[in-house]
Amino acid sequence: MKRDIEGMSVREYDVLVIGGGITGAFIAWDASLRGLSVALVDKGDFGAATSAATSKLIHGGLRYLKTLEVGLVRESLQERRIMEIIAPHLVYPLPFVFPAYGWGKRGLPAAISAMVFYDTLSYDRKWINDDDKKIPGHEKYSAEDLLKMEPILDPEDLTGGVVYYDCQMYNSERLTLEPILAAVEYGASVANYVQAEDLIMAGDAVTGARVRDLQSGAQYDIRARVTVNAAGPWADLLLGKIRGRKHHGLIRSKGIHIITKPLHKDRAMILQTKSGRHFFILPWREHSLIGTTDVVYKGDPDNFKVTRKDILDFLDEINATVPAARLREEDVLFQYGGLRPIVEKETSVEVEVYDASRKYELYDHEKDEGIRGFVTAIGGKYTTSRNMARQLVDIICQKICFGPVACLTHTTPLYGGEIGRFASFLDRARKKRPAGLSDDILENLCRNYGSRYLDVIETAKKKHLEKICEEFPDIMAQVVYAIHREMALCLSDVLFRRTGLCTLGNPGEKVIELVADEMGSELKWKRARKNEEIEKVLAVFEPAKE
């Protein structure tokens, strides 16, 4: 994957996508598959903002039944199955325990009714060739049996519950990266650390964007027949670049997650607070991943960071709902968060954003405001991003009179997804593994890279096939591969998004230094640059004081 911003500035594309999160990634892939010429830029690393701050789930959104968003739930369940098909190495079923308390809104009759409806809406959940990916229906359990499964549950007023299934991602950051890699394979030009500073206007038409390479400081114009605003929490700020024009606002909802010691066994839990809000406790790499919060954020999105108060408030909510957890601040091994863009007309800052819709909005500014060559995608959720992109690319094809070219992303495997049944693929990989490659290293490579795992191995020298540290299955070959094949430019790109080394928090000074040394050697960093990169990584582990 070559980064060539100057080359991107000397031609006109059919589509310029501003934003390399999951929405922009799927737009670029879909448009490329249909034969459109595509450019994509992001002012940070690909998938480094909202798309990196997920609960690691591909799910139907059970809680949206409470607000009667049946269409959104059905769409999400349909997309869940598609994600299992196109990314079999990264998406897999996970059982969830849903405890019921009393006989009211949190009670057993309400839980069972919701699950019957949920199963009905996911009637096609077994329409998949891989038996391991076929999702069963829910099962009802008594309070006694539920406590045997998950002793940490609060027994007071527990009346029973259900176990149902949704899906978890092995690595959400890589699932965001793969549509971009796939788009490049089909001819797209992409670049990270490129900021769109202004939109280029020609009368009442947007003809591209003036961008700045944040690595070199150089400025370029990238021109396109249609420019797509997929900037997520920054979407309204980009809209403000249209001089003198009104623009759609949005609300930013702050969601945080914490990583702790393992609180439960091998199932996930969905828990409802006494106020009616839900959060998850999820098994994650032999730890517990707990999230998420949902609070209005009114500041500059560039200044967002998880604060100590965010963590303490969330711990209070968790402990009130699951008293046996007894979590303290020192139990938090890592915290991360992001801003979700919520369409303004669906809610207001005066209401609790937890109840706001997660539907997405697609704006054709020619219809709305008479501005040609410009479309915006706002809102939505990770699970429905592929279908959101499909609809937006349909609009683009109409705008440029490209013809009725069908979307192919629902049946085309993602980059690395050409493996068939994952268990069989892993068995084949074990039979031809390089000497000395352990089971955990091999499975990690197969999960992260799918059918491309041999590419990682082939780029490696002998020493690069050894673990970087004993605690994690990641190897130095992944670092080298990330630099030369996946456009990793900064230390954080590798530690947080191309590998799992910082998934559970600070892996230790030695690990960070080893990776920084390898990147410094490959990218010819001076000592000052290497130290600066290390300092930026260490800053991520510390919550803001306020």
Protein backbone atom coordinates (compact mmCIF):
# COMPACT_ATOMS: atom_id res chain seq x y z
CA MET A 1 0.00 0.00 0.00
CA LYS A 2 1.86 3.06 -1.28
CA ARG A 3 1.32 6.53 0.17
CA ASP A 4 1.57 9.02 -2.72
CA ILE A 5 -0.32 12.24 -2.00
CA GLU A 6 1.44 14.15 -4.75
CA GLY A 7 0.33 11.49 -7.22
CA MET A 8 -3.24 11.79 -5.89
CA SER A 9 -3.15 15.52 -6.69
CA VAL A 10 -2.40 15.20 -10.41
CA ARG A 11 -5.57 13.39 -11.48
CA GLU A 12 -9.31 13.64 -11.00
CA TYR A 13 -11.12 10.82 -9.22
CA ASP A 14 -14.73 9.76 -9.43
CA VAL A 15 -14.92 9.79 -5.64
CA LEU A 16 -12.91 11.43 -2.87
CA VAL A 17 -13.73 10.05 0.59
CA ILE A 18 -12.79 12.22 3.57
CA GLY A 19 -12.58 9.98 6.62
CA GLY A 20 -10.97 6.57 7.02
CA GLY A 21 -13.13 5.09 9.77
CA ILE A 22 -15.41 2.11 9.16
CA THR A 23 -17.90 4.18 7.12
CA GLY A 24 -15.29 5.69 4.81
CA ALA A 25 -13.53 2.33 4.54
CA PHE A 26 -16.64 0.54 3.28
CA ILE A 27 -17.52 3.42 0.93
CA ALA A 28 -14.06 3.23 -0.65
CA TRP A 29 -14.24 -0.55 -1.01
CA ASP A 30 -17.78 -0.60 -2.41
CA ALA A 31 -17.04 2.18 -4.92
CA SER A 32 -13.79 0.50 -6.02
CA LEU A 33 -15.53 -2.84 -6.49
CA ARG A 34 -18.08 -1.17 -8.75
CA GLY A 35 -15.31 0.25 -10.96
CA LEU A 36 -15.17 3.85 -9.72
CA SER A 37 -11.82 5.57 -9.24
CA VAL A 38 -11.46 6.34 -5.54
CA ALA A 39 -9.25 8.43 -3.26
CA LEU A 40 -9.49 8.30 0.54
CA VAL A 41 -7.76 10.47 3.15
CA ASP A 42 -7.89 10.62 6.93
CA LYS A 43 -6.30 13.21 9.19
CA GLY A 44 -5.16 10.49 11.57
CA ASP A 45 -4.47 6.84 11.10
CA PHE A 46 -7.13 4.67 9.50
CA GLY A 47 -9.79 3.73 12.06
CA ALA A 48 -8.02 5.51 14.91
CA ALA A 49 -11.00 7.49 16.26
CA THR A 50 -14.61 6.35 16.72
CA SER A 51 -14.07 3.05 14.89
CA ALA A 52 -11.34 2.09 17.38
CA ALA A 53 -13.59 2.81 20.37
CA THR A 54 -16.12 0.03 19.94
CA SER A 55 -17.29 -2.77 22.24
CA LYS A 56 -15.72 -5.20 19.71
CA LEU A 57 -19.22 -6.41 18.79
CA ILE A 58 -21.12 -7.02 15.59
CA HIS A 59 -24.63 -7.17 16.99
CA GLY A 60 -28.27 -6.62 16.27
CA GLY A 61 -28.81 -3.99 18.93
CA LEU A 62 -31.21 -5.76 21.26
CA ARG A 63 -31.81 -2.58 23.25
CA TYR A 64 -33.22 -0.77 20.21
CA LEU A 65 -36.35 -2.91 20.50
CA LYS A 66 -37.19 -0.82 23.56
CA THR A 67 -37.53 2.25 21.33
CA LEU A 68 -39.35 0.22 18.65
CA GLU A 69 -36.59 0.68 16.06
CA VAL A 70 -37.49 -2.63 14.50
CA GLY A 71 -36.08 -1.70 11.08
CA LEU A 72 -32.68 -0.85 12.57
CA VAL A 73 -32.57 -4.13 14.51
CA ARG A 74 -33.50 -6.17 11.44
CA GLU A 75 -30.89 -4.37 9.32
CA SER A 76 -28.26 -4.94 12.03
CA LEU A 77 -29.06 -8.64 12.28
CA GLN A 78 -28.86 -9.03 8.52
CA GLU A 79 -25.51 -7.23 8.47
CA ARG A 80 -24.26 -9.40 11.33
CA ARG A 81 -24.68 -12.47 9.14
CA ILE A 82 -23.01 -10.74 6.18
CA MET A 83 -20.03 -9.78 8.33
CA GLU A 84 -19.64 -13.42 9.39
CA ILE A 85 -19.54 -14.38 5.71
CA ILE A 86 -17.17 -11.71 4.35
CA ALA A 87 -14.82 -11.64 7.38
CA PRO A 88 -14.85 -15.24 8.70
CA HIS A 89 -11.45 -14.84 10.36
CA LEU A 90 -12.48 -11.77 12.35
CA VAL A 91 -16.18 -12.24 13.27
CA TYR A 92 -17.54 -15.14 15.32
CA PRO A 93 -20.59 -15.93 17.53
CA LEU A 94 -20.47 -15.21 21.25
CA PRO A 95 -23.03 -16.28 23.92
CA PHE A 96 -24.58 -13.54 26.06
CA VAL A 97 -26.19 -13.93 29.47
CA PHE A 98 -29.16 -11.59 29.89
CA PRO A 99 -30.33 -11.70 33.55
CA ALA A 100 -33.84 -10.60 34.50
CA TYR A 101 -34.81 -8.90 37.75
CA GLY A 102 -38.30 -8.71 39.20
CA TRP A 103 -41.36 -8.72 36.97
CA GLY A 104 -41.39 -5.23 35.49
CA LYS A 105 -39.34 -3.79 32.61
CA ARG A 106 -36.25 -5.61 33.87
CA GLY A 107 -38.18 -8.83 34.50
CA LEU A 108 -38.25 -12.28 32.94
CA PRO A 109 -41.43 -11.90 30.85
CA ALA A 110 -40.04 -8.74 29.25
CA ALA A 111 -36.67 -10.43 28.56
CA ILE A 112 -38.27 -13.49 26.98
CA SER A 113 -40.62 -11.38 24.86
CA ALA A 114 -37.69 -9.32 23.60
CA MET A 115 -35.69 -12.46 22.76
CA VAL A 116 -38.57 -14.12 20.89
CA PHE A 117 -38.88 -10.98 18.76
CA TYR A 118 -35.08 -10.78 18.33
CA ASP A 119 -34.89 -14.39 17.13
CA THR A 120 -37.81 -13.81 14.77
CA LEU A 121 -36.06 -10.80 13.23
CA SER A 122 -32.89 -12.89 12.76
CA TYR A 123 -34.70 -15.68 10.91
CA ASP A 124 -31.79 -15.94 8.42
CA ARG A 125 -29.08 -16.34 11.08
CA LYS A 126 -28.34 -19.92 9.97
CA TRP A 127 -28.19 -19.12 6.26
CA ILE A 128 -24.45 -19.57 6.20
CA ASN A 129 -22.20 -22.41 5.00
CA ASP A 130 -19.92 -22.49 8.05
CA ASP A 131 -21.66 -24.52 10.77
CA ASP A 132 -19.50 -22.80 13.41
CA LYS A 133 -21.05 -19.46 12.45
CA LYS A 134 -24.70 -20.57 12.62
CA ILE A 135 -26.29 -18.73 15.51
CA PRO A 136 -28.76 -20.68 17.69
CA GLY A 137 -31.93 -19.28 19.21
CA HIS A 138 -32.16 -18.12 22.81
CA GLU A 139 -32.60 -20.41 25.81
CA LYS A 140 -34.40 -19.64 29.07
CA TYR A 141 -32.71 -20.33 32.44
CA SER A 142 -33.76 -20.24 36.07
CA ALA A 143 -32.13 -17.86 38.52
CA GLU A 144 -30.31 -20.81 40.12
CA ASP A 145 -28.85 -22.01 36.82
CA LEU A 146 -27.91 -18.49 35.79
CA LEU A 147 -25.94 -17.99 39.01
CA LYS A 148 -24.10 -21.24 38.39
CA MET A 149 -23.09 -19.91 34.98
CA GLU A 150 -22.08 -16.47 36.22
CA PRO A 151 -21.69 -16.32 40.01
CA ILE A 152 -20.83 -12.62 39.82
CA LEU A 153 -24.44 -11.70 38.99
CA ASP A 154 -26.42 -9.89 41.69
CA PRO A 155 -28.74 -12.56 43.16
CA GLU A 156 -31.14 -10.06 44.77
CA ASP A 157 -34.49 -10.20 43.00
CA LEU A 158 -33.01 -12.29 40.17
CA THR A 159 -35.93 -14.17 38.56
CA GLY A 160 -34.04 -15.97 35.77
CA GLY A 161 -32.80 -14.95 32.39
CA VAL A 162 -31.88 -15.99 28.88
CA VAL A 163 -28.75 -16.88 26.95
CA TYR A 164 -28.65 -15.65 23.38
CA TYR A 165 -25.96 -15.05 20.74
CA ASP A 166 -24.46 -12.08 18.93
CA CYS A 167 -20.99 -11.73 17.40
CA GLN A 168 -17.62 -10.48 18.59
CA MET A 169 -14.69 -9.20 16.54
CA TYR A 170 -11.25 -10.64 17.10
CA ASN A 171 -9.75 -7.28 16.17
CA SER A 172 -12.05 -4.35 15.35
CA GLU A 173 -9.16 -2.17 14.20
CA ARG A 174 -8.16 -4.70 11.57
CA LEU A 175 -11.76 -5.10 10.45
CA THR A 176 -11.73 -1.35 9.74
CA LEU A 177 -8.40 -1.59 7.91
CA GLU A 178 -9.36 -4.51 5.66
CA PRO A 179 -11.94 -2.70 3.48
CA ILE A 180 -9.27 -0.04 2.85
CA LEU A 181 -6.70 -2.69 1.90
CA ALA A 182 -9.32 -4.30 -0.34
CA ALA A 183 -10.11 -0.94 -1.97
CA VAL A 184 -6.41 -0.42 -2.72
CA GLU A 185 -6.29 -3.87 -4.30
CA TYR A 186 -9.05 -2.68 -6.65
CA GLY A 187 -7.19 0.50 -7.55
CA ALA A 188 -8.05 3.03 -4.84
CA SER A 189 -5.48 5.63 -3.70
CA VAL A 190 -5.40 6.14 0.08
CA ALA A 191 -3.36 8.14 2.56
CA ASN A 192 -3.45 8.54 6.32
CA TYR A 193 -2.29 11.62 8.24
CA VAL A 194 -3.74 13.88 5.55
CA GLN A 195 -6.05 16.63 6.78
CA ALA A 196 -8.79 18.13 4.62
CA GLU A 197 -8.35 21.84 5.31
CA ASP A 198 -10.98 23.15 2.92
CA LEU A 199 -13.38 22.10 0.21
CA ILE A 200 -12.66 23.28 -3.33
CA MET A 201 -15.67 25.12 -4.75
CA ALA A 202 -16.46 25.95 -8.37
CA GLY A 203 -19.63 28.00 -8.27
CA ASP A 204 -22.25 25.85 -6.55
CA ALA A 205 -20.24 22.64 -6.88
CA VAL A 206 -17.67 20.93 -4.64
CA THR A 207 -14.87 19.67 -6.88
CA GLY A 208 -12.56 18.18 -4.26
CA ALA A 209 -10.58 19.20 -1.18
CA ARG A 210 -7.46 21.12 -0.31
CA VAL A 211 -5.47 18.84 1.97
CA ARG A 212 -2.29 19.00 4.03
CA ASP A 213 0.13 16.13 4.49
CA LEU A 214 0.63 16.18 8.26
CA GLN A 215 3.90 14.28 7.89
CA SER A 216 5.61 16.75 5.55
CA GLY A 217 3.46 19.87 5.90
CA ALA A 218 2.96 20.07 2.13
CA GLN A 219 -0.43 21.15 0.77
CA TYR A 220 -2.19 19.58 -2.20
CA ASP A 221 -5.49 19.74 -4.07
CA ILE A 222 -7.28 16.43 -4.64
CA ARG A 223 -10.08 16.70 -7.19
CA ALA A 224 -13.09 14.44 -7.66
CA ARG A 225 -16.45 14.40 -9.35
CA VAL A 226 -18.07 13.61 -5.98
CA THR A 227 -16.62 14.35 -2.56
CA VAL A 228 -17.89 12.29 0.39
CA ASN A 229 -17.92 13.64 3.92
CA ALA A 230 -17.42 10.56 6.11
CA ALA A 231 -15.65 12.41 8.91
CA GLY A 232 -17.77 11.01 11.75
CA PRO A 233 -17.66 13.31 14.81
CA TRP A 234 -15.95 15.94 12.63
CA ALA A 235 -18.59 15.81 9.87
CA ASP A 236 -20.34 19.05 10.84
CA LEU A 237 -17.00 20.87 11.05
CA LEU A 238 -16.19 19.81 7.50
CA LEU A 239 -19.63 20.96 6.39
CA GLY A 240 -18.78 24.37 7.81
CA LYS A 241 -16.10 24.66 5.12
CA ILE A 242 -18.85 25.41 2.58
CA ARG A 243 -18.58 29.19 2.83
CA GLY A 244 -21.74 30.96 3.85
CA ARG A 245 -23.86 27.82 3.67
CA LYS A 246 -25.98 26.36 6.41
CA HIS A 247 -24.87 22.97 7.60
CA HIS A 248 -26.37 20.05 9.47
CA GLY A 249 -25.29 19.83 13.09
CA LEU A 250 -24.80 16.70 15.08
CA ILE A 251 -24.51 15.67 18.69
CA ARG A 252 -21.39 13.94 19.91
CA SER A 253 -21.96 11.17 22.42
CA LYS A 254 -19.01 10.16 24.56
CA GLY A 255 -18.60 6.43 25.12
CA ILE A 256 -15.84 4.87 27.21
CA HIS A 257 -14.70 1.29 27.85
CA ILE A 258 -12.46 -0.16 30.53
CA ILE A 259 -10.34 -3.31 30.67
CA THR A 260 -10.11 -5.15 34.00
CA LYS A 261 -9.12 -8.50 35.45
CA PRO A 262 -11.49 -11.28 34.33
CA LEU A 263 -14.80 -10.93 36.19
CA HIS A 264 -16.62 -13.80 34.52
CA LYS A 265 -16.22 -16.99 32.52
CA ASP A 266 -16.49 -17.50 28.77
CA ARG A 267 -19.81 -15.78 28.15
CA ALA A 268 -20.61 -12.12 27.73
CA MET A 269 -23.17 -10.38 29.91
CA ILE A 270 -25.63 -7.65 29.03
CA LEU A 271 -26.73 -5.84 32.17
CA GLN A 272 -29.43 -3.28 32.75
CA THR A 273 -28.96 -0.58 35.36
CA LYS A 274 -31.81 0.50 37.58
CA SER A 275 -32.14 3.61 35.42
CA GLY A 276 -32.79 1.38 32.40
CA ARG A 277 -29.44 1.79 30.65
CA HIS A 278 -27.53 -1.25 29.36
CA PHE A 279 -23.84 -2.05 29.34
CA PHE A 280 -21.77 -5.13 28.45
CA ILE A 281 -19.20 -7.16 30.35
CA LEU A 282 -17.35 -9.07 27.65
CA PRO A 283 -14.63 -11.73 27.69
CA TRP A 284 -11.64 -10.17 25.96
CA ARG A 285 -8.24 -11.87 25.71
CA GLU A 286 -8.56 -13.46 29.16
CA HIS A 287 -9.71 -10.17 30.68
CA SER A 288 -13.01 -8.34 30.94
CA LEU A 289 -13.96 -5.53 28.58
CA ILE A 290 -16.73 -3.36 30.05
CA GLY A 291 -18.64 -0.72 28.13
CA THR A 292 -20.05 1.55 27.18
CA THR A 293 -21.17 4.88 28.57
CA ASP A 294 -23.35 7.34 26.66
CA VAL A 295 -22.93 11.00 27.64
CA VAL A 296 -23.23 14.20 25.60
CA TYR A 297 -19.85 15.71 24.71
CA LYS A 298 -19.87 19.44 23.99
CA GLY A 299 -16.19 20.19 23.46
CA ASP A 300 -13.88 20.20 20.47
CA PRO A 301 -13.66 16.62 19.14
CA ASP A 302 -9.91 17.07 18.66
CA ASN A 303 -9.55 17.54 22.41
CA PHE A 304 -11.49 14.45 23.50
CA LYS A 305 -9.86 12.17 26.02
CA VAL A 306 -11.17 9.79 28.67
CA THR A 307 -11.01 11.50 32.05
CA ARG A 308 -10.52 10.10 35.52
CA LYS A 309 -14.04 11.26 36.37
CA ASP A 310 -15.42 9.29 33.41
CA ILE A 311 -13.81 6.15 34.80
CA LEU A 312 -14.91 6.70 38.41
CA ASP A 313 -18.51 7.44 37.38
CA PHE A 314 -18.61 4.29 35.25
CA LEU A 315 -17.14 2.18 38.06
CA ASP A 316 -19.90 3.42 40.38
CA GLU A 317 -22.52 2.37 37.83
CA ILE A 318 -20.92 -1.05 37.33
CA ASN A 319 -20.63 -1.73 41.06
CA ALA A 320 -24.23 -0.66 41.67
CA THR A 321 -25.41 -3.12 39.03
CA VAL A 322 -22.96 -5.95 39.86
CA PRO A 323 -21.99 -5.47 43.52
CA ALA A 324 -19.81 -8.60 43.54
CA ALA A 325 -17.47 -6.97 41.01
CA ARG A 326 -16.17 -4.57 43.67
CA LEU A 327 -14.11 -2.74 41.08
CA ARG A 328 -11.75 0.00 42.17
CA GLU A 329 -9.78 2.53 40.16
CA GLU A 330 -6.60 0.47 40.47
CA ASP A 331 -8.39 -2.49 38.84
CA VAL A 332 -8.65 -0.59 35.56
CA LEU A 333 -5.79 -1.81 33.39
CA PHE A 334 -6.70 0.31 30.38
CA GLN A 335 -9.38 2.71 29.26
CA TYR A 336 -10.36 3.94 25.83
CA GLY A 337 -13.17 5.98 24.42
CA GLY A 338 -14.55 7.76 21.41
CA LEU A 339 -17.23 10.10 20.16
CA ARG A 340 -20.31 8.77 18.38
CA PRO A 341 -21.94 11.15 15.91
CA ILE A 342 -25.71 11.31 16.41
CA VAL A 343 -27.95 13.08 13.94
CA GLU A 344 -29.25 16.28 15.55
CA LYS A 345 -32.84 16.02 14.32
CA GLU A 346 -33.17 12.69 16.13
CA THR A 347 -32.51 14.18 19.54
CA SER A 348 -31.28 17.27 21.36
CA VAL A 349 -28.58 17.99 23.86
CA GLU A 350 -31.23 18.35 26.51
CA VAL A 351 -32.19 14.66 26.41
CA GLU A 352 -30.31 11.56 27.44
CA VAL A 353 -28.38 10.47 24.35
CA TYR A 354 -28.66 6.83 25.40
CA ASP A 355 -32.21 6.87 24.03
CA ALA A 356 -31.23 8.68 20.82
CA SER A 357 -31.52 6.77 17.57
CA ARG A 358 -28.46 5.11 16.03
CA LYS A 359 -29.95 5.38 12.56
CA TYR A 360 -27.70 6.94 9.97
CA GLU A 361 -28.48 9.82 7.63
CA LEU A 362 -27.24 10.28 4.05
CA TYR A 363 -27.35 13.85 2.71
CA ASP A 364 -27.22 14.66 -0.97
CA HIS A 365 -26.39 18.35 -0.73
CA GLU A 366 -27.58 19.00 -4.25
CA LYS A 367 -31.11 18.08 -3.19
CA ASP A 368 -30.91 19.70 0.23
CA GLU A 369 -28.94 22.88 -0.52
CA GLY A 370 -28.22 23.07 -4.24
CA ILE A 371 -24.55 22.12 -3.77
CA ARG A 372 -23.45 19.69 -6.45
CA GLY A 373 -20.81 16.99 -6.11
CA PHE A 374 -21.03 16.62 -2.34
CA VAL A 375 -22.64 13.99 -0.10
CA THR A 376 -22.44 13.43 3.65
CA ALA A 377 -22.87 10.32 5.79
CA ILE A 378 -23.65 10.93 9.48
CA GLY A 379 -24.53 8.62 12.35
CA GLY A 380 -25.06 4.90 12.27
CA LYS A 381 -23.27 2.08 14.05
CA TYR A 382 -20.32 -0.14 13.22
CA THR A 383 -22.51 -3.14 12.38
CA THR A 384 -24.53 -1.33 9.71
CA SER A 385 -21.62 0.51 8.10
CA ARG A 386 -21.44 -1.76 5.05
CA ASN A 387 -25.11 -1.25 4.20
CA MET A 388 -24.83 2.48 4.84
CA ALA A 389 -21.94 2.58 2.35
CA ARG A 390 -23.96 0.60 -0.19
CA GLN A 391 -26.74 3.17 -0.17
CA LEU A 392 -24.33 6.08 -0.38
CA VAL A 393 -22.45 4.58 -3.34
CA ASP A 394 -25.82 4.06 -5.05
CA ILE A 395 -26.33 7.83 -4.72
CA ILE A 396 -22.85 8.53 -6.11
CA CYS A 397 -23.44 6.28 -9.14
CA GLN A 398 -26.65 8.16 -9.89
CA LYS A 399 -24.95 11.54 -9.54
CA ILE A 400 -22.19 10.76 -12.01
CA CYS A 401 -24.46 8.76 -14.35
CA PHE A 402 -22.28 5.69 -13.86
CA GLY A 403 -25.12 3.27 -14.52
CA PRO A 404 -26.89 0.67 -12.37
CA VAL A 405 -23.83 -1.28 -11.17
CA ALA A 406 -24.77 -3.70 -8.42
CA CYS A 407 -23.13 -3.65 -4.99
CA LEU A 408 -20.88 -6.68 -4.40
CA THR A 409 -19.71 -6.17 -0.81
CA HIS A 410 -22.32 -8.48 0.69
CA THR A 411 -20.86 -11.51 -1.12
CA THR A 412 -17.21 -10.56 -1.72
CA PRO A 413 -14.76 -11.64 1.02
CA LEU A 414 -12.83 -8.83 2.62
CA TYR A 415 -9.06 -8.60 2.22
CA GLY A 416 -7.92 -11.79 3.95
CA GLY A 417 -11.41 -13.27 4.07
CA GLU A 418 -10.99 -15.83 1.28
CA ILE A 419 -10.67 -18.77 3.66
CA GLY A 420 -13.96 -20.67 3.81
CA ARG A 421 -14.60 -22.29 7.19
CA PHE A 422 -12.15 -20.81 9.69
CA ALA A 423 -11.55 -24.04 11.65
CA SER A 424 -10.60 -25.91 8.46
CA PHE A 425 -8.42 -23.01 7.32
CA LEU A 426 -6.56 -23.05 10.64
CA ASP A 427 -6.03 -26.82 10.40
CA ARG A 428 -4.49 -26.40 6.94
CA ALA A 429 -2.27 -23.60 8.22
CA ARG A 430 -0.97 -25.79 11.05
CA LYS A 431 0.07 -28.49 8.59
CA LYS A 432 2.32 -26.14 6.63
CA ARG A 433 3.57 -23.86 9.38
CA PRO A 434 7.23 -22.80 9.45
CA ALA A 435 9.34 -24.71 11.95
CA GLY A 436 9.20 -23.31 15.45
CA LEU A 437 6.01 -21.27 14.99
CA SER A 438 3.83 -21.94 18.04
CA ASP A 439 0.07 -22.57 17.96
CA ASP A 440 -0.82 -19.24 19.54
CA ILE A 441 1.35 -17.26 17.11
CA LEU A 442 -0.12 -19.09 14.13
CA GLU A 443 -3.73 -18.67 15.24
CA ASN A 444 -3.15 -14.98 15.93
CA LEU A 445 -1.74 -14.53 12.42
CA CYS A 446 -4.65 -16.43 10.88
CA ARG A 447 -7.20 -14.42 12.86
CA ASN A 448 -5.63 -11.04 12.08
CA TYR A 449 -4.66 -11.57 8.45
CA GLY A 450 -6.83 -14.45 7.27
CA SER A 451 -5.68 -15.77 3.90
CA ARG A 452 -2.86 -13.17 3.87
CA TYR A 453 -1.06 -14.61 6.90
CA LEU A 454 1.64 -16.17 4.71
CA ASP A 455 2.43 -12.71 3.34
CA VAL A 456 3.38 -11.66 6.87
CA ILE A 457 5.59 -14.71 7.35
CA GLU A 458 7.27 -14.26 3.96
CA THR A 459 8.33 -10.71 4.84
CA ALA A 460 10.09 -11.93 7.96
CA LYS A 461 13.65 -12.72 8.78
CA LYS A 462 14.17 -15.66 11.13
CA LYS A 463 14.30 -13.51 14.27
CA HIS A 464 11.09 -11.77 13.21
CA LEU A 465 9.08 -14.96 13.77
CA GLU A 466 9.73 -14.92 17.50
CA LYS A 467 7.30 -13.36 19.98
CA ILE A 468 7.98 -9.77 20.90
CA CYS A 469 7.15 -10.71 24.48
CA GLU A 470 5.79 -13.81 26.25
CA GLU A 471 2.47 -12.22 27.19
CA PHE A 472 1.28 -11.70 23.62
CA PRO A 473 1.36 -13.83 20.44
CA ASP A 474 2.41 -10.90 18.23
CA ILE A 475 5.73 -11.20 16.38
CA MET A 476 8.12 -8.63 14.93
CA ALA A 477 7.21 -9.70 11.39
CA GLN A 478 3.86 -7.98 11.93
CA VAL A 479 5.66 -4.72 12.66
CA VAL A 480 7.70 -4.95 9.45
CA TYR A 481 4.61 -5.92 7.47
CA ALA A 482 2.61 -3.03 8.96
CA ILE A 483 5.23 -0.52 7.83
CA HIS A 484 5.73 -1.80 4.29
CA ARG A 485 2.28 -3.15 3.44
CA GLU A 486 -0.21 -1.35 5.71
CA MET A 487 0.97 2.27 5.79
CA ALA A 488 1.90 2.32 9.49
CA LEU A 489 3.76 5.59 10.00
CA CYS A 490 3.70 6.09 13.77
CA LEU A 491 4.47 3.85 16.73
CA SER A 492 0.84 4.06 17.88
CA ASP A 493 -0.33 2.75 14.50
CA VAL A 494 1.48 -0.52 15.13
CA LEU A 495 0.95 -0.91 18.87
CA PHE A 496 -2.77 -0.03 18.94
CA ARG A 497 -4.12 -0.90 15.48
CA ARG A 498 -1.88 -3.21 13.43
CA THR A 499 -1.13 -5.59 16.34
CA GLY A 500 -2.75 -6.42 19.68
CA LEU A 501 0.23 -5.37 21.81
CA CYS A 502 -1.61 -2.52 23.53
CA THR A 503 -5.06 -4.11 23.60
CA LEU A 504 -4.86 -4.62 27.36
CA GLY A 505 -3.00 -1.44 28.24
CA ASN A 506 0.68 -0.72 28.69
CA PRO A 507 2.64 -3.87 27.69
CA GLY A 508 5.77 -2.56 29.39
CA GLU A 509 8.66 -0.28 28.55
CA LYS A 510 10.72 -3.10 27.02
CA VAL A 511 7.99 -4.04 24.50
CA ILE A 512 7.38 -0.45 23.46
CA GLU A 513 11.12 0.16 23.10
CA LEU A 514 11.63 -2.99 20.99
CA VAL A 515 8.89 -2.03 18.55
CA ALA A 516 10.11 1.59 18.44
CA ASP A 517 13.65 0.37 17.65
CA GLU A 518 12.37 -1.78 14.79
CA MET A 519 10.23 1.01 13.37
CA GLY A 520 13.06 3.49 13.80
CA SER A 521 15.37 1.20 11.88
CA GLU A 522 12.88 0.64 9.05
CA LEU A 523 11.76 4.28 8.78
CA LYS A 524 15.15 5.88 9.50
CA TRP A 525 13.98 7.74 12.58
CA LYS A 526 16.39 9.91 14.51
CA ARG A 527 16.57 9.39 18.26
CA ALA A 528 14.44 12.49 18.92
CA ARG A 529 11.65 11.16 16.67
CA LYS A 530 11.75 7.76 18.35
CA ASN A 531 11.52 9.31 21.82
CA GLU A 532 8.65 11.52 20.70
CA GLU A 533 6.77 8.48 19.38
CA ILE A 534 7.25 6.63 22.67
CA GLU A 535 6.01 9.62 24.67
CA LYS A 536 2.85 9.83 22.55
CA VAL A 537 2.11 6.17 23.15
CA LEU A 538 2.64 6.43 26.90
CA ALA A 539 0.28 9.42 27.04
CA VAL A 540 -2.57 7.22 25.75
CA PHE A 541 -2.47 5.06 28.87
CA GLU A 542 -3.05 7.98 31.24
CA PRO A 543 -6.59 9.34 31.62
CA ALA A 544 -7.01 13.11 31.66
CA LYS A 545 -7.41 14.59 35.11
CA GLU A 546 -10.47 16.46 33.75
